[in-house]
């Protein structure tokens, strides 16, 4: 995966996370929404690590 594509995917996941956080009710959030949020955050973290790996190899 190239750096530009990875950056694009990270931005898209960040956007999805923000949208989901805004839609989650403060009281009694649905389990499915919380699971989706957790999954997105894990994916985001993984892709950020991949990006860091790419950046460190380019130095």
N, C-alpha and C. Protein backbone atom coordinates (compact mmCIF):
# COMPACT_ATOMS: atom_id res chain seq x y z
N UNK A 1 0.86 -1.18 0.00
CA UNK A 1 0.00 0.00 0.00
C UNK A 1 0.90 1.23 0.00
N UNK A 2 0.58 2.18 -0.87
CA UNK A 2 1.43 3.36 -0.94
C UNK A 2 1.01 4.42 0.09
N UNK A 3 1.90 5.33 0.31
CA UNK A 3 1.73 6.35 1.34
C UNK A 3 0.49 7.22 1.10
N UNK A 4 0.30 7.66 -0.12
CA UNK A 4 -0.83 8.55 -0.43
C UNK A 4 -2.18 7.86 -0.20
N UNK A 5 -2.25 6.62 -0.62
CA UNK A 5 -3.50 5.86 -0.43
C UNK A 5 -3.77 5.65 1.06
N UNK A 6 -2.74 5.35 1.80
CA UNK A 6 -2.87 5.14 3.23
C UNK A 6 -3.34 6.42 3.93
N UNK A 7 -2.78 7.55 3.55
CA UNK A 7 -3.20 8.83 4.13
C UNK A 7 -4.67 9.09 3.82
N UNK A 8 -5.08 8.80 2.60
CA UNK A 8 -6.48 8.99 2.20
C UNK A 8 -7.40 8.10 3.04
N UNK A 9 -7.00 6.84 3.23
CA UNK A 9 -7.81 5.92 4.03
C UNK A 9 -7.88 6.37 5.50
N UNK A 10 -6.78 6.86 6.03
CA UNK A 10 -6.76 7.35 7.41
C UNK A 10 -7.73 8.51 7.57
N UNK A 11 -7.70 9.43 6.64
CA UNK A 11 -8.62 10.58 6.70
C UNK A 11 -10.07 10.14 6.63
N UNK A 12 -10.35 9.17 5.79
CA UNK A 12 -11.72 8.66 5.66
C UNK A 12 -12.17 7.98 6.95
N UNK A 13 -11.31 7.19 7.55
CA UNK A 13 -11.66 6.53 8.81
C UNK A 13 -11.86 7.56 9.91
N UNK A 14 -10.99 8.57 9.95
CA UNK A 14 -11.15 9.63 10.95
C UNK A 14 -12.50 10.33 10.79
N UNK A 15 -12.89 10.57 9.55
CA UNK A 15 -14.18 11.20 9.28
C UNK A 15 -15.33 10.31 9.78
N UNK A 16 -15.23 9.01 9.50
CA UNK A 16 -16.26 8.07 9.94
C UNK A 16 -16.35 8.02 11.47
N UNK A 17 -15.20 8.02 12.12
CA UNK A 17 -15.17 7.98 13.58
C UNK A 17 -15.86 9.22 14.15
N UNK A 18 -15.54 10.38 13.60
CA UNK A 18 -16.16 11.62 14.08
C UNK A 18 -17.67 11.62 13.87
N UNK A 19 -18.11 11.17 12.71
CA UNK A 19 -19.54 11.11 12.44
C UNK A 19 -20.24 10.17 13.41
N UNK A 20 -19.62 9.04 13.64
CA UNK A 20 -20.21 8.05 14.54
C UNK A 20 -20.26 8.58 15.97
N UNK A 21 -19.19 9.23 16.40
CA UNK A 21 -19.17 9.80 17.75
C UNK A 21 -20.28 10.83 17.93
N UNK A 22 -20.53 11.61 16.90
CA UNK A 22 -21.59 12.61 16.98
C UNK A 22 -22.98 11.98 17.03
N UNK A 23 -23.12 10.80 16.46
CA UNK A 23 -24.44 10.17 16.40
C UNK A 23 -24.73 9.24 17.57
N UNK A 24 -23.70 8.91 18.35
CA UNK A 24 -23.90 8.01 19.49
C UNK A 24 -24.58 8.79 20.62
N UNK A 25 -25.73 8.30 21.07
CA UNK A 25 -26.40 8.99 22.18
C UNK A 25 -25.56 8.92 23.46
N UNK A 26 -25.60 9.98 24.22
CA UNK A 26 -24.83 10.03 25.46
C UNK A 26 -25.35 8.99 26.45
N UNK A 27 -26.66 8.86 26.49
CA UNK A 27 -27.27 7.88 27.38
C UNK A 27 -27.73 6.69 26.56
N UNK A 28 -27.43 5.52 27.02
CA UNK A 28 -27.85 4.27 26.39
C UNK A 28 -27.41 4.12 24.93
N UNK A 29 -26.11 4.20 24.68
CA UNK A 29 -25.66 3.98 23.30
C UNK A 29 -25.87 2.51 22.91
N UNK A 30 -26.16 2.28 21.66
CA UNK A 30 -26.37 0.92 21.17
C UNK A 30 -25.04 0.19 21.14
N UNK A 31 -25.10 -1.08 21.49
CA UNK A 31 -23.90 -1.91 21.49
C UNK A 31 -23.29 -1.95 20.09
N UNK A 32 -24.12 -2.05 19.08
CA UNK A 32 -23.61 -2.13 17.70
C UNK A 32 -22.85 -0.86 17.32
N UNK A 33 -23.33 0.28 17.76
CA UNK A 33 -22.65 1.54 17.46
C UNK A 33 -21.31 1.61 18.17
N UNK A 34 -21.29 1.16 19.41
CA UNK A 34 -20.04 1.19 20.16
C UNK A 34 -19.03 0.20 19.57
N UNK A 35 -19.52 -0.94 19.10
CA UNK A 35 -18.64 -1.93 18.47
C UNK A 35 -18.07 -1.38 17.17
N UNK A 36 -18.91 -0.74 16.40
CA UNK A 36 -18.45 -0.14 15.14
C UNK A 36 -17.39 0.93 15.41
N UNK A 37 -17.63 1.74 16.42
CA UNK A 37 -16.67 2.77 16.80
C UNK A 37 -15.33 2.15 17.21
N UNK A 38 -15.40 1.13 18.01
CA UNK A 38 -14.19 0.45 18.46
C UNK A 38 -13.44 -0.16 17.27
N UNK A 39 -14.18 -0.78 16.37
CA UNK A 39 -13.56 -1.38 15.19
C UNK A 39 -12.87 -0.33 14.32
N UNK A 40 -13.54 0.80 14.12
CA UNK A 40 -12.96 1.87 13.32
C UNK A 40 -11.71 2.44 13.98
N UNK A 41 -11.76 2.61 15.29
CA UNK A 41 -10.59 3.14 16.00
C UNK A 41 -9.42 2.18 15.92
N UNK A 42 -9.69 0.88 15.99
CA UNK A 42 -8.62 -0.10 15.85
C UNK A 42 -8.02 -0.07 14.45
N UNK A 43 -8.89 0.02 13.45
CA UNK A 43 -8.42 0.10 12.07
C UNK A 43 -7.59 1.37 11.86
N UNK A 44 -8.05 2.45 12.43
CA UNK A 44 -7.33 3.71 12.33
C UNK A 44 -5.94 3.60 12.94
N UNK A 45 -5.86 3.01 14.09
CA UNK A 45 -4.57 2.84 14.76
C UNK A 45 -3.63 1.97 13.92
N UNK A 46 -4.16 0.91 13.36
CA UNK A 46 -3.36 0.02 12.52
C UNK A 46 -2.81 0.76 11.30
N UNK A 47 -3.66 1.54 10.66
CA UNK A 47 -3.23 2.26 9.46
C UNK A 47 -2.24 3.37 9.80
N UNK A 48 -2.40 4.00 10.94
CA UNK A 48 -1.43 5.01 11.36
C UNK A 48 -0.07 4.38 11.61
N UNK A 49 -0.05 3.19 12.19
CA UNK A 49 1.22 2.49 12.41
C UNK A 49 1.86 2.12 11.07
N UNK A 50 1.04 1.69 10.13
CA UNK A 50 1.55 1.37 8.80
C UNK A 50 2.17 2.60 8.15
N UNK A 51 1.51 3.73 8.30
CA UNK A 51 2.02 4.97 7.74
C UNK A 51 3.36 5.34 8.39
N UNK A 52 3.44 5.20 9.69
CA UNK A 52 4.70 5.49 10.38
C UNK A 52 5.81 4.57 9.90
N UNK A 53 5.48 3.31 9.67
CA UNK A 53 6.48 2.37 9.15
C UNK A 53 6.98 2.81 7.78
N UNK A 54 6.06 3.23 6.93
CA UNK A 54 6.43 3.70 5.60
C UNK A 54 7.32 4.93 5.70
N UNK A 55 6.94 5.86 6.57
CA UNK A 55 7.73 7.08 6.74
C UNK A 55 9.13 6.78 7.25
N UNK A 56 9.22 5.86 8.20
CA UNK A 56 10.54 5.55 8.78
C UNK A 56 11.44 4.85 7.76
N UNK A 57 10.86 4.08 6.86
CA UNK A 57 11.65 3.39 5.83
C UNK A 57 12.13 4.35 4.77
N UNK A 58 11.42 5.46 4.58
CA UNK A 58 11.80 6.44 3.58
C UNK A 58 12.94 7.34 4.04
N UNK A 59 13.24 7.35 5.31
CA UNK A 59 14.30 8.22 5.84
C UNK A 59 15.67 7.69 5.53
